[in-house]
Every structure is written in C-alpha cells, then in structure tokens.
C-alpha atoms as a PDB file:
ATOM      1  CA  UNK A   1     -12.439 161.311 139.333  1.00  0.00           C
ATOM      2  CA  UNK A   2     -15.720 159.949 140.435  1.00  0.00           C
ATOM      3  CA  UNK A   3     -16.806 158.214 143.752  1.00  0.00           C
ATOM      4  CA  UNK A   4     -15.261 154.882 144.807  1.00  0.00           C
ATOM      5  CA  UNK A   5     -16.658 151.855 142.715  1.00  0.00           C
ATOM      6  CA  UNK A   6     -14.890 148.858 144.151  1.00  0.00           C
ATOM      7  CA  UNK A   7     -13.932 147.972 147.780  1.00  0.00           C
ATOM      8  CA  UNK A   8     -12.381 144.760 148.731  1.00  0.00           C
ATOM      9  CA  UNK A   9     -13.065 142.824 152.100  1.00  0.00           C
ATOM     10  CA  UNK A  10      -9.515 141.558 151.845  1.00  0.00           C
ATOM     11  CA  UNK A  11      -6.135 143.080 151.798  1.00  0.00           C
ATOM     12  CA  UNK A  12      -6.105 145.223 148.661  1.00  0.00           C
ATOM     13  CA  UNK A  13      -4.253 148.058 146.871  1.00  0.00           C
ATOM     14  CA  UNK A  14      -6.037 151.187 145.866  1.00  0.00           C
ATOM     15  CA  UNK A  15      -5.122 154.045 143.487  1.00  0.00           C
ATOM     16  CA  UNK A  16      -6.893 157.142 144.926  1.00  0.00           C
ATOM     17  CA  UNK A  17      -7.342 160.451 143.459  1.00  0.00           C
ATOM     18  CA  UNK A  18      -9.037 163.802 144.517  1.00  0.00           C
ATOM     19  CA  UNK A  19      -9.143 167.265 142.995  1.00  0.00           C
ATOM     20  CA  UNK A  20      -9.486 170.754 144.424  1.00  0.00           C
ATOM     21  CA  UNK A  21     -12.772 172.533 144.003  1.00  0.00           C
ATOM     22  CA  UNK A  22     -13.106 174.208 140.523  1.00  0.00           C
ATOM     23  CA  UNK A  23      -9.527 172.897 139.776  1.00  0.00           C
ATOM     24  CA  UNK A  24      -8.128 175.864 141.625  1.00  0.00           C
ATOM     25  CA  UNK A  25      -4.372 175.820 142.270  1.00  0.00           C
ATOM     26  CA  UNK A  26      -4.651 176.094 146.137  1.00  0.00           C
ATOM     27  CA  UNK A  27      -1.863 173.588 146.950  1.00  0.00           C
ATOM     28  CA  UNK A  28       1.098 175.760 147.146  1.00  0.00           C
ATOM     29  CA  UNK A  29       4.467 174.588 148.639  1.00  0.00           C
ATOM     30  CA  UNK A  30       3.598 175.147 152.214  1.00  0.00           C
ATOM     31  CA  UNK A  31       0.239 173.459 151.760  1.00  0.00           C
ATOM     32  CA  UNK A  32       1.701 170.416 150.095  1.00  0.00           C
ATOM     33  CA  UNK A  33       4.231 170.245 152.937  1.00  0.00           C
ATOM     34  CA  UNK A  34       1.301 170.186 155.474  1.00  0.00           C
ATOM     35  CA  UNK A  35      -0.762 167.724 153.266  1.00  0.00           C
ATOM     36  CA  UNK A  36       2.123 165.277 153.401  1.00  0.00           C
ATOM     37  CA  UNK A  37       2.422 165.422 157.179  1.00  0.00           C
ATOM     38  CA  UNK A  38      -1.404 164.982 157.430  1.00  0.00           C
ATOM     39  CA  UNK A  39      -1.219 161.943 155.037  1.00  0.00           C
ATOM     40  CA  UNK A  40       1.436 160.153 157.220  1.00  0.00           C
ATOM     41  CA  UNK A  41      -0.603 160.956 160.296  1.00  0.00           C
ATOM     42  CA  UNK A  42      -3.873 159.681 158.952  1.00  0.00           C
ATOM     43  CA  UNK A  43      -2.189 156.620 157.480  1.00  0.00           C
ATOM     44  CA  UNK A  44      -0.698 155.718 160.772  1.00  0.00           C
ATOM     45  CA  UNK A  45      -4.104 156.127 162.486  1.00  0.00           C
ATOM     46  CA  UNK A  46      -5.977 154.196 159.838  1.00  0.00           C
ATOM     47  CA  UNK A  47      -3.513 151.197 159.748  1.00  0.00           C
ATOM     48  CA  UNK A  48      -2.862 152.001 156.058  1.00  0.00           C
ATOM     49  CA  UNK A  49       0.366 151.187 154.312  1.00  0.00           C
ATOM     50  CA  UNK A  50       1.543 153.929 151.982  1.00  0.00           C
ATOM     51  CA  UNK A  51       3.181 152.767 148.756  1.00  0.00           C
ATOM     52  CA  UNK A  52       3.643 156.203 147.221  1.00  0.00           C
ATOM     53  CA  UNK A  53       1.866 159.393 146.549  1.00  0.00           C
ATOM     54  CA  UNK A  54       2.013 162.669 144.577  1.00  0.00           C
ATOM     55  CA  UNK A  55       0.539 165.999 145.550  1.00  0.00           C
ATOM     56  CA  UNK A  56       0.285 168.559 142.871  1.00  0.00           C
ATOM     57  CA  UNK A  57      -1.155 172.089 142.710  1.00  0.00           C
ATOM     58  CA  UNK A  58      -4.773 171.142 142.256  1.00  0.00           C
ATOM     59  CA  UNK A  59      -4.996 167.375 142.846  1.00  0.00           C
ATOM     60  CA  UNK A  60      -3.241 164.421 144.473  1.00  0.00           C
ATOM     61  CA  UNK A  61      -2.761 160.709 143.889  1.00  0.00           C
ATOM     62  CA  UNK A  62      -2.215 158.173 146.678  1.00  0.00           C
ATOM     63  CA  UNK A  63      -1.314 154.391 146.185  1.00  0.00           C
ATOM     64  CA  UNK A  64      -1.958 152.468 149.405  1.00  0.00           C
ATOM     65  CA  UNK A  65      -2.409 148.868 150.589  1.00  0.00           C
ATOM     66  CA  UNK A  66      -5.315 148.494 153.020  1.00  0.00           C
ATOM     67  CA  UNK A  67      -6.077 145.551 155.378  1.00  0.00           C
ATOM     68  CA  UNK A  68      -9.530 145.449 156.739  1.00  0.00           C
ATOM     69  CA  UNK A  69      -8.165 143.564 159.638  1.00  0.00           C
ATOM     70  CA  UNK A  70      -6.394 146.651 160.774  1.00  0.00           C
ATOM     71  CA  UNK A  71      -9.470 147.509 162.807  1.00  0.00           C
ATOM     72  CA  UNK A  72      -9.006 144.379 164.955  1.00  0.00           C
ATOM     73  CA  UNK A  73      -6.367 145.888 167.343  1.00  0.00           C
ATOM     74  CA  UNK A  74      -6.131 145.993 171.161  1.00  0.00           C
ATOM     75  CA  UNK A  75      -6.527 148.999 173.311  1.00  0.00           C
ATOM     76  CA  UNK A  76      -2.692 149.714 173.423  1.00  0.00           C
ATOM     77  CA  UNK A  77      -2.719 149.897 169.615  1.00  0.00           C
ATOM     78  CA  UNK A  78      -5.892 152.116 169.640  1.00  0.00           C
ATOM     79  CA  UNK A  79      -4.108 154.530 171.786  1.00  0.00           C
ATOM     80  CA  UNK A  80      -0.830 154.491 169.701  1.00  0.00           C
ATOM     81  CA  UNK A  81      -2.824 155.193 166.620  1.00  0.00           C
ATOM     82  CA  UNK A  82      -4.885 157.788 168.354  1.00  0.00           C
ATOM     83  CA  UNK A  83      -1.638 159.630 169.295  1.00  0.00           C
ATOM     84  CA  UNK A  84      -0.172 159.242 165.784  1.00  0.00           C
ATOM     85  CA  UNK A  85      -3.210 161.248 164.519  1.00  0.00           C
ATOM     86  CA  UNK A  86      -3.854 163.808 167.227  1.00  0.00           C
ATOM     87  CA  UNK A  87      -0.583 164.195 168.996  1.00  0.00           C
ATOM     88  CA  UNK A  88      -1.115 165.860 172.277  1.00  0.00           C
ATOM     89  CA  UNK A  89      -4.178 167.491 171.170  1.00  0.00           C
ATOM     90  CA  UNK A  90      -7.747 166.550 172.309  1.00  0.00           C
ATOM     91  CA  UNK A  91     -10.057 165.124 169.588  1.00  0.00           C
ATOM     92  CA  UNK A  92     -13.134 167.381 169.359  1.00  0.00           C
ATOM     93  CA  UNK A  93     -15.467 164.514 168.918  1.00  0.00           C
ATOM     94  CA  UNK A  94     -14.701 162.810 172.171  1.00  0.00           C
ATOM     95  CA  UNK A  95     -13.013 165.623 174.201  1.00  0.00           C
ATOM     96  CA  UNK A  96     -10.130 163.286 175.024  1.00  0.00           C
ATOM     97  CA  UNK A  97      -6.276 163.391 174.370  1.00  0.00           C
ATOM     98  CA  UNK A  98      -4.261 160.072 174.265  1.00  0.00           C
ATOM     99  CA  UNK A  99      -3.827 159.924 177.990  1.00  0.00           C
ATOM    100  CA  UNK A 100      -7.476 160.371 178.482  1.00  0.00           C
ATOM    101  CA  UNK A 101      -8.395 157.784 175.910  1.00  0.00           C
ATOM    102  CA  UNK A 102      -6.008 155.244 177.489  1.00  0.00           C
ATOM    103  CA  UNK A 103      -7.496 155.940 180.925  1.00  0.00           C
ATOM    104  CA  UNK A 104     -11.174 155.667 179.601  1.00  0.00           C
ATOM    105  CA  UNK A 105     -10.591 152.394 177.754  1.00  0.00           C
ATOM    106  CA  UNK A 106      -8.906 150.868 180.890  1.00  0.00           C
ATOM    107  CA  UNK A 107     -11.288 152.253 183.602  1.00  0.00           C
ATOM    108  CA  UNK A 108     -14.635 153.411 182.230  1.00  0.00           C
ATOM    109  CA  UNK A 109     -17.585 151.013 182.533  1.00  0.00           C
ATOM    110  CA  UNK A 110     -18.082 148.788 179.547  1.00  0.00           C
ATOM    111  CA  UNK A 111     -21.121 150.575 178.273  1.00  0.00           C
ATOM    112  CA  UNK A 112     -19.002 153.701 178.019  1.00  0.00           C
ATOM    113  CA  UNK A 113     -15.576 152.194 176.879  1.00  0.00           C
ATOM    114  CA  UNK A 114     -16.865 149.864 174.127  1.00  0.00           C
ATOM    115  CA  UNK A 115     -18.720 152.510 172.089  1.00  0.00           C
ATOM    116  CA  UNK A 116     -15.480 154.524 172.141  1.00  0.00           C
ATOM    117  CA  UNK A 117     -13.521 151.450 170.940  1.00  0.00           C
ATOM    118  CA  UNK A 118     -15.856 150.680 168.284  1.00  0.00           C
ATOM    119  CA  UNK A 119     -16.045 154.270 166.913  1.00  0.00           C
ATOM    120  CA  UNK A 120     -12.341 154.389 166.579  1.00  0.00           C
ATOM    121  CA  UNK A 121     -12.151 150.966 165.089  1.00  0.00           C
ATOM    122  CA  UNK A 122     -14.827 151.815 162.411  1.00  0.00           C
ATOM    123  CA  UNK A 123     -12.358 154.455 161.123  1.00  0.00           C
ATOM    124  CA  UNK A 124      -9.552 152.035 160.402  1.00  0.00           C
ATOM    125  CA  UNK A 125      -8.864 149.575 157.640  1.00  0.00           C
ATOM    126  CA  UNK A 126     -11.200 151.170 155.312  1.00  0.00           C
ATOM    127  CA  UNK A 127     -10.401 153.290 152.173  1.00  0.00           C
ATOM    128  CA  UNK A 128     -13.513 155.496 152.486  1.00  0.00           C
ATOM    129  CA  UNK A 129     -12.727 156.357 156.198  1.00  0.00           C
ATOM    130  CA  UNK A 130      -9.137 156.854 155.328  1.00  0.00           C
ATOM    131  CA  UNK A 131     -10.032 159.456 152.722  1.00  0.00           C
ATOM    132  CA  UNK A 132     -12.813 161.061 154.725  1.00  0.00           C
ATOM    133  CA  UNK A 133     -10.279 161.631 157.561  1.00  0.00           C
ATOM    134  CA  UNK A 134      -7.529 162.884 155.476  1.00  0.00           C
ATOM    135  CA  UNK A 135      -9.670 165.402 153.436  1.00  0.00           C
ATOM    136  CA  UNK A 136     -11.637 166.690 156.479  1.00  0.00           C
ATOM    137  CA  UNK A 137      -8.605 167.307 158.472  1.00  0.00           C
ATOM    138  CA  UNK A 138      -6.636 169.067 155.804  1.00  0.00           C
ATOM    139  CA  UNK A 139      -9.810 171.135 155.034  1.00  0.00           C
ATOM    140  CA  UNK A 140     -10.092 172.176 158.622  1.00  0.00           C
ATOM    141  CA  UNK A 141      -6.535 173.169 158.912  1.00  0.00           C
ATOM    142  CA  UNK A 142      -6.759 175.216 155.686  1.00  0.00           C
ATOM    143  CA  UNK A 143      -9.957 176.900 156.826  1.00  0.00           C
ATOM    144  CA  UNK A 144      -8.625 177.745 160.192  1.00  0.00           C
ATOM    145  CA  UNK A 145      -5.345 179.038 158.871  1.00  0.00           C
ATOM    146  CA  UNK A 146      -6.810 181.307 156.204  1.00  0.00           C
ATOM    147  CA  UNK A 147     -10.140 182.150 157.857  1.00  0.00           C
ATOM    148  CA  UNK A 148     -12.244 180.636 155.264  1.00  0.00           C
ATOM    149  CA  UNK A 149     -15.073 177.977 155.309  1.00  0.00           C
ATOM    150  CA  UNK A 150     -16.458 175.185 153.118  1.00  0.00           C
ATOM    151  CA  UNK A 151     -14.948 172.259 151.317  1.00  0.00           C
ATOM    152  CA  UNK A 152     -11.774 172.242 149.326  1.00  0.00           C
ATOM    153  CA  UNK A 153     -12.598 169.240 147.300  1.00  0.00           C
ATOM    154  CA  UNK A 154     -14.579 169.268 144.094  1.00  0.00           C
ATOM    155  CA  UNK A 155     -16.208 165.856 144.424  1.00  0.00           C
ATOM    156  CA  UNK A 156     -15.963 162.589 146.063  1.00  0.00           C
ATOM    157  CA  UNK A 157     -12.515 160.887 145.628  1.00  0.00           C
ATOM    158  CA  UNK A 158     -11.829 158.464 142.785  1.00  0.00           C
ATOM    159  CA  UNK A 159     -10.447 155.004 143.613  1.00  0.00           C
ATOM    160  CA  UNK A 160      -9.270 152.077 141.466  1.00  0.00           C
ATOM    161  CA  UNK A 161      -8.742 148.673 142.942  1.00  0.00           C
ATOM    162  CA  UNK A 162      -5.390 147.276 141.796  1.00  0.00           C
ATOM    163  CA  UNK A 163      -4.542 143.742 141.752  1.00  0.00           C
ATOM    164  CA  UNK A 164      -1.939 143.196 144.425  1.00  0.00           C
ATOM    165  CA  UNK A 165       0.843 141.671 142.342  1.00  0.00           C
ATOM    166  CA  UNK A 166       4.330 143.341 142.231  1.00  0.00           C
ATOM    167  CA  UNK A 167       4.570 144.078 138.608  1.00  0.00           C
ATOM    168  CA  UNK A 168       1.179 145.805 138.389  1.00  0.00           C
ATOM    169  CA  UNK A 169       1.662 147.673 141.744  1.00  0.00           C
ATOM    170  CA  UNK A 170       5.020 148.914 140.405  1.00  0.00           C
ATOM    171  CA  UNK A 171       3.435 150.199 137.083  1.00  0.00           C
ATOM    172  CA  UNK A 172       0.808 152.163 138.995  1.00  0.00           C
ATOM    173  CA  UNK A 173       3.414 153.392 141.514  1.00  0.00           C
ATOM    174  CA  UNK A 174       5.546 154.525 138.600  1.00  0.00           C
ATOM    175  CA  UNK A 175       2.543 156.364 137.099  1.00  0.00           C
ATOM    176  CA  UNK A 176       1.830 158.055 140.461  1.00  0.00           C
ATOM    177  CA  UNK A 177       5.562 159.250 140.826  1.00  0.00           C
ATOM    178  CA  UNK A 178       5.729 160.469 137.327  1.00  0.00           C
ATOM    179  CA  UNK A 179       2.878 162.955 137.811  1.00  0.00           C
ATOM    180  CA  UNK A 180       5.175 165.865 138.627  1.00  0.00           C
ATOM    181  CA  UNK A 181       7.177 165.196 135.513  1.00  0.00           C
ATOM    182  CA  UNK A 182       4.124 165.040 133.217  1.00  0.00           C
ATOM    183  CA  UNK A 183       2.935 168.252 134.792  1.00  0.00           C
ATOM    184  CA  UNK A 184       6.290 169.945 133.888  1.00  0.00           C
ATOM    185  CA  UNK A 185       6.983 170.609 137.670  1.00  0.00           C
ATOM    186  CA  UNK A 186      10.378 168.534 137.616  1.00  0.00           C
ATOM    187  CA  UNK A 187      12.569 166.898 135.152  1.00  0.00           C
ATOM    188  CA  UNK A 188      12.841 163.747 137.279  1.00  0.00           C
ATOM    189  CA  UNK A 189      10.724 162.304 140.064  1.00  0.00           C
ATOM    190  CA  UNK A 190      13.435 162.525 142.664  1.00  0.00           C
ATOM    191  CA  UNK A 191      13.540 166.338 142.091  1.00  0.00           C
ATOM    192  CA  UNK A 192       9.956 166.659 143.137  1.00  0.00           C
ATOM    193  CA  UNK A 193       9.630 166.953 147.000  1.00  0.00           C
ATOM    194  CA  UNK A 194       6.116 166.007 147.363  1.00  0.00           C
ATOM    195  CA  UNK A 195       6.070 162.466 145.902  1.00  0.00           C
ATOM    196  CA  UNK A 196       6.598 159.186 147.590  1.00  0.00           C
ATOM    197  CA  UNK A 197       9.698 158.165 145.522  1.00  0.00           C
ATOM    198  CA  UNK A 198      11.570 161.264 146.471  1.00  0.00           C
ATOM    199  CA  UNK A 199      10.661 160.704 150.105  1.00  0.00           C
ATOM    200  CA  UNK A 200      11.595 157.066 150.084  1.00  0.00           C
ATOM    201  CA  UNK A 201      14.919 157.637 148.155  1.00  0.00           C
ATOM    202  CA  UNK A 202      15.944 160.992 149.610  1.00  0.00           C
ATOM    203  CA  UNK A 203      13.928 161.719 152.721  1.00  0.00           C
ATOM    204  CA  UNK A 204      15.009 158.676 154.867  1.00  0.00           C
ATOM    205  CA  UNK A 205      11.535 157.127 155.090  1.00  0.00           C
ATOM    206  CA  UNK A 206      12.604 153.502 155.670  1.00  0.00           C
ATOM    207  CA  UNK A 207       9.076 152.121 155.638  1.00  0.00           C
ATOM    208  CA  UNK A 208       8.190 153.749 152.307  1.00  0.00           C
ATOM    209  CA  UNK A 209      11.568 152.705 150.793  1.00  0.00           C
ATOM    210  CA  UNK A 210      10.861 149.084 151.744  1.00  0.00           C
ATOM    211  CA  UNK A 211       7.310 149.289 150.415  1.00  0.00           C
ATOM    212  CA  UNK A 212       8.424 150.485 147.137  1.00  0.00           C
ATOM    213  CA  UNK A 213      11.315 148.030 146.867  1.00  0.00           C
ATOM    214  CA  UNK A 214       8.741 145.137 147.371  1.00  0.00           C
ATOM    215  CA  UNK A 215       7.139 146.307 143.974  1.00  0.00           C
ATOM    216  CA  UNK A 216      10.230 145.016 142.151  1.00  0.00           C
ATOM    217  CA  UNK A 217      11.265 141.956 144.057  1.00  0.00           C
ATOM    218  CA  UNK A 218      14.229 139.794 143.133  1.00  0.00           C
ATOM    219  CA  UNK A 219      17.797 138.996 144.167  1.00  0.00           C
ATOM    220  CA  UNK A 220      20.044 141.746 145.550  1.00  0.00           C
ATOM    221  CA  UNK A 221      18.052 143.126 148.223  1.00  0.00           C
ATOM    222  CA  UNK A 222      16.282 146.486 148.615  1.00  0.00           C
ATOM    223  CA  UNK A 223      18.961 148.587 146.927  1.00  0.00           C
ATOM    224  CA  UNK A 224      18.723 146.620 143.678  1.00  0.00           C
ATOM    225  CA  UNK A 225      15.044 146.476 143.883  1.00  0.00           C
ATOM    226  CA  UNK A 226      14.840 150.299 144.103  1.00  0.00           C
ATOM    227  CA  UNK A 227      17.228 150.569 141.135  1.00  0.00           C
ATOM    228  CA  UNK A 228      14.893 148.276 139.097  1.00  0.00           C
ATOM    229  CA  UNK A 229      11.924 150.438 140.113  1.00  0.00           C
ATOM    230  CA  UNK A 230      13.820 153.418 139.005  1.00  0.00           C
ATOM    231  CA  UNK A 231      14.542 151.984 135.603  1.00  0.00           C
ATOM    232  CA  UNK A 232      10.873 150.967 135.138  1.00  0.00           C
ATOM    233  CA  UNK A 233       9.730 154.386 136.126  1.00  0.00           C
ATOM    234  CA  UNK A 234      12.057 156.372 133.940  1.00  0.00           C
ATOM    235  CA  UNK A 235      11.445 153.997 131.071  1.00  0.00           C
ATOM    236  CA  UNK A 236       7.711 154.564 131.391  1.00  0.00           C
ATOM    237  CA  UNK A 237       8.353 158.251 131.565  1.00  0.00           C
ATOM    238  CA  UNK A 238      10.645 158.388 128.466  1.00  0.00           C
ATOM    239  CA  UNK A 239       8.177 156.614 126.395  1.00  0.00           C
ATOM    240  CA  UNK A 240       6.589 159.096 123.953  1.00  0.00           C
ATOM    241  CA  UNK A 241       2.904 159.691 124.038  1.00  0.00           C
ATOM    242  CA  UNK A 242       0.817 158.850 121.107  1.00  0.00           C
ATOM    243  CA  UNK A 243      -0.065 162.448 120.389  1.00  0.00           C
ATOM    244  CA  UNK A 244       3.564 163.614 121.084  1.00  0.00           C
ATOM    245  CA  UNK A 245       2.484 166.082 123.763  1.00  0.00           C
ATOM    246  CA  UNK A 246       3.030 166.491 127.472  1.00  0.00           C
ATOM    247  CA  UNK A 247       6.193 166.744 129.569  1.00  0.00           C
ATOM    248  CA  UNK A 248       8.014 163.473 130.105  1.00  0.00           C
ATOM    249  CA  UNK A 249      11.414 162.154 131.224  1.00  0.00           C
ATOM    250  CA  UNK A 250      14.283 163.144 128.922  1.00  0.00           C
ATOM    251  CA  UNK A 251      15.304 160.064 126.989  1.00  0.00           C
ATOM    252  CA  UNK A 252      18.972 160.734 127.676  1.00  0.00           C
ATOM    253  CA  UNK A 253      18.274 160.769 131.322  1.00  0.00           C
ATOM    254  CA  UNK A 254      16.699 157.471 131.076  1.00  0.00           C
ATOM    255  CA  UNK A 255      19.702 155.987 129.044  1.00  0.00           C
ATOM    256  CA  UNK A 256      22.083 157.365 131.704  1.00  0.00           C
ATOM    257  CA  UNK A 257      20.137 155.639 134.371  1.00  0.00           C
ATOM    258  CA  UNK A 258      20.116 152.526 132.354  1.00  0.00           C
ATOM    259  CA  UNK A 259      23.866 152.678 132.117  1.00  0.00           C
ATOM    260  CA  UNK A 260      24.145 153.110 135.722  1.00  0.00           C
ATOM    261  CA  UNK A 261      21.896 150.232 136.600  1.00  0.00           C
ATOM    262  CA  UNK A 262      19.214 152.475 137.937  1.00  0.00           C
ATOM    263  CA  UNK A 263      21.319 153.698 140.866  1.00  0.00           C
ATOM    264  CA  UNK A 264      22.048 157.271 141.691  1.00  0.00           C
ATOM    265  CA  UNK A 265      25.735 158.044 142.479  1.00  0.00           C
ATOM    266  CA  UNK A 266      26.378 158.728 146.208  1.00  0.00           C
ATOM    267  CA  UNK A 267      27.242 162.487 145.693  1.00  0.00           C
ATOM    268  CA  UNK A 268      23.891 163.048 143.879  1.00  0.00           C
ATOM    269  CA  UNK A 269      21.980 161.060 146.373  1.00  0.00           C
ATOM    270  CA  UNK A 270      23.443 163.161 149.223  1.00  0.00           C
ATOM    271  CA  UNK A 271      22.672 166.356 147.402  1.00  0.00           C
ATOM    272  CA  UNK A 272      19.024 165.174 147.246  1.00  0.00           C
ATOM    273  CA  UNK A 273      18.920 164.119 150.852  1.00  0.00           C
ATOM    274  CA  UNK A 274      20.202 167.569 152.004  1.00  0.00           C
ATOM    275  CA  UNK A 275      17.210 169.104 150.312  1.00  0.00           C
ATOM    276  CA  UNK A 276      14.952 167.065 152.527  1.00  0.00           C
ATOM    277  CA  UNK A 277      16.335 168.243 155.915  1.00  0.00           C
ATOM    278  CA  UNK A 278      14.015 171.059 156.406  1.00  0.00           C
ATOM    279  CA  UNK A 279      13.536 169.850 159.935  1.00  0.00           C
ATOM    280  CA  UNK A 280      17.288 169.276 160.533  1.00  0.00           C
ATOM    281  CA  UNK A 281      19.029 171.211 163.243  1.00  0.00           C
ATOM    282  CA  UNK A 282      22.653 169.691 163.089  1.00  0.00           C
ATOM    283  CA  UNK A 283      24.737 167.935 160.534  1.00  0.00           C
ATOM    284  CA  UNK A 284      28.127 166.312 161.264  1.00  0.00           C
ATOM    285  CA  UNK A 285      29.892 163.128 162.318  1.00  0.00           C
ATOM    286  CA  UNK A 286      27.966 160.710 164.592  1.00  0.00           C
ATOM    287  CA  UNK A 287      30.707 161.226 167.185  1.00  0.00           C
ATOM    288  CA  UNK A 288      30.307 164.890 167.080  1.00  0.00           C
ATOM    289  CA  UNK A 289      26.588 164.810 167.457  1.00  0.00           C
ATOM    290  CA  UNK A 290      26.477 162.213 170.184  1.00  0.00           C
ATOM    291  CA  UNK A 291      29.539 163.485 172.337  1.00  0.00           C
ATOM    292  CA  UNK A 292      31.099 166.567 170.833  1.00  0.00           C
ATOM    293  CA  UNK A 293      30.151 170.155 170.464  1.00  0.00           C
ATOM    294  CA  UNK A 294      27.035 169.139 168.366  1.00  0.00           C
ATOM    295  CA  UNK A 295      25.904 167.097 171.379  1.00  0.00           C
ATOM    296  CA  UNK A 296      26.539 169.998 173.703  1.00  0.00           C
ATOM    297  CA  UNK A 297      24.551 172.424 171.614  1.00  0.00           C
ATOM    298  CA  UNK A 298      21.623 169.950 171.088  1.00  0.00           C
ATOM    299  CA  UNK A 299      21.586 169.458 174.866  1.00  0.00           C
ATOM    300  CA  UNK A 300      20.536 173.084 175.323  1.00  0.00           C
ATOM    301  CA  UNK A 301      17.319 172.422 173.540  1.00  0.00           C
ATOM    302  CA  UNK A 302      14.296 171.653 175.613  1.00  0.00           C
ATOM    303  CA  UNK A 303      13.623 168.663 173.489  1.00  0.00           C
ATOM    304  CA  UNK A 304      16.749 167.516 171.628  1.00  0.00           C
ATOM    305  CA  UNK A 305      15.991 165.814 168.283  1.00  0.00           C
ATOM    306  CA  UNK A 306      17.040 162.318 167.384  1.00  0.00           C
ATOM    307  CA  UNK A 307      20.488 161.568 165.812  1.00  0.00           C
ATOM    308  CA  UNK A 308      20.363 159.424 162.582  1.00  0.00           C
ATOM    309  CA  UNK A 309      23.064 158.089 160.272  1.00  0.00           C
ATOM    310  CA  UNK A 310      23.212 159.920 156.942  1.00  0.00           C
ATOM    311  CA  UNK A 311      23.235 157.311 154.225  1.00  0.00           C
ATOM    312  CA  UNK A 312      25.066 157.202 151.772  1.00  0.00           C
ATOM    313  CA  UNK A 313      27.869 158.678 154.117  1.00  0.00           C
ATOM    314  CA  UNK A 314      26.986 156.268 156.964  1.00  0.00           C
ATOM    315  CA  UNK A 315      30.219 154.386 156.372  1.00  0.00           C
ATOM    316  CA  UNK A 316      32.111 157.695 156.795  1.00  0.00           C
ATOM    317  CA  UNK A 317      30.276 158.199 160.242  1.00  0.00           C
ATOM    318  CA  UNK A 318      28.094 161.116 158.950  1.00  0.00           C
ATOM    319  CA  UNK A 319      24.820 161.864 160.515  1.00  0.00           C
ATOM    320  CA  UNK A 320      21.941 164.296 160.931  1.00  0.00           C
ATOM    321  CA  UNK A 321      20.001 165.411 163.937  1.00  0.00           C
ATOM    322  CA  UNK A 322      16.430 166.316 162.904  1.00  0.00           C
ATOM    323  CA  UNK A 323      13.005 166.525 164.397  1.00  0.00           C
ATOM    324  CA  UNK A 324       9.842 165.026 163.082  1.00  0.00           C
ATOM    325  CA  UNK A 325       6.960 167.246 162.270  1.00  0.00           C
ATOM    326  CA  UNK A 326       6.097 168.826 165.653  1.00  0.00           C
ATOM    327  CA  UNK A 327       2.399 168.547 166.631  1.00  0.00           C
ATOM    328  CA  UNK A 328       0.179 171.124 168.186  1.00  0.00           C
ATOM    329  CA  UNK A 329       1.091 174.298 166.235  1.00  0.00           C
ATOM    330  CA  UNK A 330      -1.064 176.546 164.041  1.00  0.00           C
ATOM    331  CA  UNK A 331       0.342 174.711 160.914  1.00  0.00           C
ATOM    332  CA  UNK A 332      -0.370 171.284 162.270  1.00  0.00           C
ATOM    333  CA  UNK A 333      -3.369 169.453 160.851  1.00  0.00           C
ATOM    334  CA  UNK A 334      -3.479 167.214 163.958  1.00  0.00           C
ATOM    335  CA  UNK A 335      -5.463 169.974 165.617  1.00  0.00           C
ATOM    336  CA  UNK A 336      -9.104 169.215 164.658  1.00  0.00           C
ATOM    337  CA  UNK A 337     -11.812 166.819 164.803  1.00  0.00           C
END
C-alpha cells in the first residue's frame, strides 16, 4: 500500500487501499459504522461515485469512479456538497456553515467570494483530495472521541487506476466485496455489514445498487445485472487458491447461487434488509405508516423520519420509517475541519 502512482485527468476508476498504523485492529464495529457514514459524506462532497467498498478491522478498500469535471460546479451545487459534508456544523477552516457559505458566495465582494469558491472546488473531483478529506475527518473524530492524538494511518494510501470497462470493474469490485470472506469475518459478502455489496443489496442504497449493476450490463435490467454480479463474485470467491489456504466462499454456496440464477429468495433478502435497519424507527404497512397508528406515533417526533417501501415486500405494501445518519452529534465525523 504505497503512495498513489497514477492519476488520470479524465473520468477514471480507482481501487484505493489504506491501512491502520502498525496494522492495529482499531476499526471495531462502531468505528466501521462511523467510517461508512464518513465515506458517504466525503464522496458526496467530492463529487465521487462510490462503486463499492469494504472496511475491515485494520484496513479498508474503496472502488470509486472520479470525474475531474466534478469541480466545475455552480454556487448552488457547492453549497449542496458543503452541506453533505458538514451538515449543520461550521467548517473550522472558514468559520461558516452552509447558510453562511451560501450568503458569502452570493453577497461577498468578488475578491473574498472567489478564493472561497476555488478552495472548495480544489477539493473536488480529485482522488488525492478525496482520500485526504476522508482520512483526516475520520482521524479527527476518533481522536476527539477517545481523547487521543496523532494519525491513525500507517502510510500514504495506495491507488490502482482501473480501466473503466464493465468486466474489469466488476472483477475488481468482486475482489473488494470478498475481502471479509477472505479474512474469515463472514461466510458470504452479503453477511458482512460494512461492504458495498451488502449495502447495495440489503441496505436500500439505490445509487450504489445501480452503480454495481452497471458493472454487469445486459438485458433484463438492474435485477438480473446484480444476479450476474453475484455469480461472478461468488465464483471468484469459490475458486481455490494456489496454495490452498485462506478463507473463501463455500463451493456449495456458489453452486446453490448458480442454480438460483444469482438471486436471493425474497425471505432471505428481507432477513438481510432487517439487519440494516439500525436507524429504523417503525415497520409496517405503508398505509399504517402514512395514516394509521404508525403515522400518529411518528408525528410525535420533533423530526419525523421518511417512509420508504420495503422491497421485496413492496408489492404487499410493506414499508419502513427510518432516519438517515444524524449530523452534529459526538459520533458524527461531520464535526471537524
């Protein structure tokens, strides 16, 4: 995991890796949860498209598509991205929150507003800036939470530039999603909470699900594309290593997936989805959540959460009310520079 070697000035895919200092196992469950939230915030700020990721106990992998043109955005988009990263908090480097930034860009003299724009744009559409922001912000959260100091990361991140063709991106994505299986932390990728495949399939992240589906294009739409990706991933995981060592996907599990065409049965998919509802506050029919007792209970909350259909039971009218990660708290990596 050395420093970055190649950086494209066009739209490009990167496989990024970084390791905790001294290979210490500092990323426990709660830490990985915060890391994933930080990853999404920083990606939204940087204009980076997440393809998949896997966060383990002492290192992480990220597969992203980065467009350098992401920095060419107007003031409204700058404010939206700023809010995605900082929430309601003020950025220490400029002393502004999102509303303050919006006002400054619109009303400050050009010699004050333009440097602010350029400083923000310089952090977008760039793999180095994306990783700098992610690692710094998570480190600040960790040090603030545990009253420690110093860096958490052993060295500069490693990055491999990947040719942006579906079959190759799919192979690298499968490698990333299989990391927890190889580490012996899960029998199958969907059973490991902190990887992109599990979030896309079971966590209801439509953007990530669509991005992964585009790795295996063809007729049949997103559902069949994800099934093809699953077969590719499990087939790769079931292949024996040359030295015969290391945890891998059980061959029978792969054959079962092959017989099922790569798709999970609805009851199993629902069981997995329920595991991802740690921010859920109500579960029931859409009618009950929108107009019945569930709606009445939700109405008592100061900030009622959104109501979403619960696929694969959408046809039956099932839904879930859940909050997104709430900004501003002690466990929120949005608080920081």
